[in-house]
Amino acid sequence: QEQLVESGGGLVQAGGSLRLSCTASGRAVRSVGWFRQAPGKEREFVAHIHWSGSPAYHANSVKGRFAISRDNAENSVSLQMNSLKPENTALYSCAIYSGGNVYNAINYRDWGKGTLVTVSS
């Protein structure tokens, strides 16, 4: 079991940017996904990246604004978030992909505790 630690969240005004990072404790390079959960809502897929860096997938709601990337030398995965909207407010978590549909949270394991993103209007 690996430990994932997210960082980079915070309070930002609408239209602003944040860069989230997900760092793994282990040495193995794995495919990783980002999900988010807003208060009172279910967890939803945000982005996924293969261990090699390609392919990468993004939710339709964030395409063109968010970009997932990775630095395998640092064993970290980043999520660059631009043009943030109040509806992007959520707890963002990363997890290791274990196979199957990349859009389904059930196919991920070793979830981090998350980093809170708050977007003010």
Protein backbone atom coordinates (compact mmCIF):
# COMPACT_ATOMS: atom_id res chain seq x y z
CA GLN A 1 0.00 0.00 0.00
CA GLU A 2 1.31 3.44 -0.94
CA GLN A 3 0.67 6.78 0.65
CA LEU A 4 -0.39 9.68 -1.52
CA VAL A 5 -0.21 13.25 -0.27
CA GLU A 6 -1.96 16.13 -1.99
CA SER A 7 -0.97 19.77 -1.71
CA GLY A 8 -1.59 23.10 -3.36
CA GLY A 9 -5.19 23.79 -2.46
CA GLY A 10 -6.42 27.08 -1.09
CA LEU A 11 -8.74 30.03 -1.55
CA VAL A 12 -8.76 31.73 -4.94
CA GLN A 13 -11.04 34.17 -6.71
CA ALA A 14 -13.06 33.14 -9.72
CA GLY A 15 -10.89 33.27 -12.83
CA GLY A 16 -7.75 32.49 -10.87
CA SER A 17 -5.41 29.50 -10.98
CA LEU A 18 -4.07 26.84 -8.66
CA ARG A 19 -1.64 23.98 -9.14
CA LEU A 20 -2.28 20.84 -7.14
CA SER A 21 0.36 18.18 -6.53
CA CYS A 22 0.05 14.52 -5.63
CA THR A 23 3.20 12.86 -4.33
CA ALA A 24 3.59 9.14 -3.76
CA SER A 25 5.63 7.58 -0.98
CA GLY A 26 6.75 4.60 -3.02
CA ARG A 27 9.30 4.32 -5.82
CA ALA A 28 7.02 2.58 -8.33
CA VAL A 29 5.56 4.79 -11.07
CA ARG A 30 1.84 4.23 -11.45
CA SER A 31 -1.16 5.62 -13.30
CA VAL A 32 -2.99 8.17 -11.16
CA GLY A 33 -6.34 9.88 -11.14
CA TRP A 34 -7.67 13.08 -9.62
CA PHE A 35 -11.24 13.21 -8.27
CA ARG A 36 -13.17 15.86 -6.39
CA GLN A 37 -16.08 15.92 -4.00
CA ALA A 38 -18.11 19.03 -3.30
CA PRO A 39 -20.22 19.34 -0.14
CA GLY A 40 -23.39 17.31 -0.46
CA LYS A 41 -22.35 15.80 -3.78
CA GLU A 42 -20.84 12.54 -4.94
CA ARG A 43 -17.20 12.14 -5.80
CA GLU A 44 -16.55 12.87 -9.47
CA PHE A 45 -13.75 12.20 -11.92
CA VAL A 46 -11.49 15.12 -12.85
CA ALA A 47 -8.45 13.71 -14.69
CA HIS A 48 -6.28 10.63 -15.17
CA ILE A 49 -2.77 10.10 -16.45
CA HIS A 50 -1.00 6.91 -17.51
CA TRP A 51 2.24 6.05 -15.73
CA SER A 52 4.18 6.90 -18.91
CA GLY A 53 2.57 10.33 -19.21
CA SER A 54 0.24 9.39 -22.06
CA PRO A 55 -2.62 9.05 -22.51
CA ALA A 56 -4.28 11.56 -20.24
CA TYR A 57 -8.02 12.05 -19.80
CA HIS A 58 -9.98 15.01 -18.48
CA ALA A 59 -13.61 15.41 -17.50
CA ASN A 60 -15.61 17.36 -20.08
CA SER A 61 -16.37 20.02 -17.47
CA VAL A 62 -12.65 20.86 -17.07
CA LYS A 63 -11.28 20.34 -20.58
CA GLY A 64 -9.39 23.39 -21.79
CA ARG A 65 -9.03 24.73 -18.23
CA PHE A 66 -7.37 21.94 -16.25
CA ALA A 67 -4.32 19.92 -17.26
CA ILE A 68 -2.85 16.84 -15.62
CA SER A 69 0.87 16.12 -15.90
CA ARG A 70 3.52 14.11 -14.12
CA ASP A 71 7.16 14.17 -13.10
CA ASN A 72 8.30 10.59 -12.71
CA ALA A 73 11.68 11.63 -11.34
CA GLU A 74 9.82 13.15 -8.41
CA ASN A 75 7.06 10.50 -8.50
CA SER A 76 4.46 13.24 -8.49
CA VAL A 77 1.38 14.13 -10.52
CA SER A 78 0.17 17.70 -10.89
CA LEU A 79 -3.15 19.24 -11.78
CA GLN A 80 -2.93 22.74 -13.21
CA MET A 81 -6.28 24.48 -12.80
CA ASN A 82 -6.95 27.70 -14.69
CA SER A 83 -10.05 29.90 -15.08
CA LEU A 84 -11.46 28.52 -11.85
CA LYS A 85 -15.19 28.83 -11.17
CA PRO A 86 -17.09 28.80 -7.86
CA GLU A 87 -18.57 25.43 -8.84
CA ASN A 88 -15.03 23.98 -8.83
CA THR A 89 -15.00 24.33 -5.03
CA ALA A 90 -14.37 20.84 -3.63
CA LEU A 91 -11.98 18.51 -1.85
CA TYR A 92 -9.56 17.26 -4.52
CA SER A 93 -8.03 13.83 -3.99
CA CYS A 94 -5.64 11.65 -5.94
CA ALA A 95 -5.48 7.87 -6.05
CA ILE A 96 -3.65 5.05 -7.79
CA TYR A 97 -5.38 3.40 -10.72
CA SER A 98 -5.91 -0.32 -10.34
CA GLY A 99 -7.54 -1.18 -13.69
CA GLY A 100 -10.86 -0.93 -15.50
CA ASN A 101 -12.84 2.20 -16.35
CA VAL A 102 -10.57 5.20 -15.63
CA TYR A 103 -13.60 7.42 -14.95
CA ASN A 104 -14.91 5.29 -12.08
CA ALA A 105 -13.57 5.90 -8.56
CA ILE A 106 -14.12 2.27 -7.66
CA ASN A 107 -11.11 1.42 -9.86
CA TYR A 108 -8.67 3.40 -7.74
CA ARG A 109 -6.93 2.66 -4.46
CA ASP A 110 -4.66 4.22 -1.83
CA TRP A 111 -6.54 7.50 -1.75
CA GLY A 112 -4.88 10.58 -0.30
CA LYS A 113 -6.67 12.71 2.27
CA GLY A 114 -7.23 15.48 -0.27
CA THR A 115 -6.59 19.18 -0.55
CA LEU A 116 -9.39 21.74 -0.32
CA VAL A 117 -9.99 24.16 -3.16
CA THR A 118 -12.31 27.08 -2.53
CA VAL A 119 -13.22 29.45 -5.36
CA SER A 120 -14.93 32.69 -4.37
CA SER A 121 -17.20 34.63 -6.70
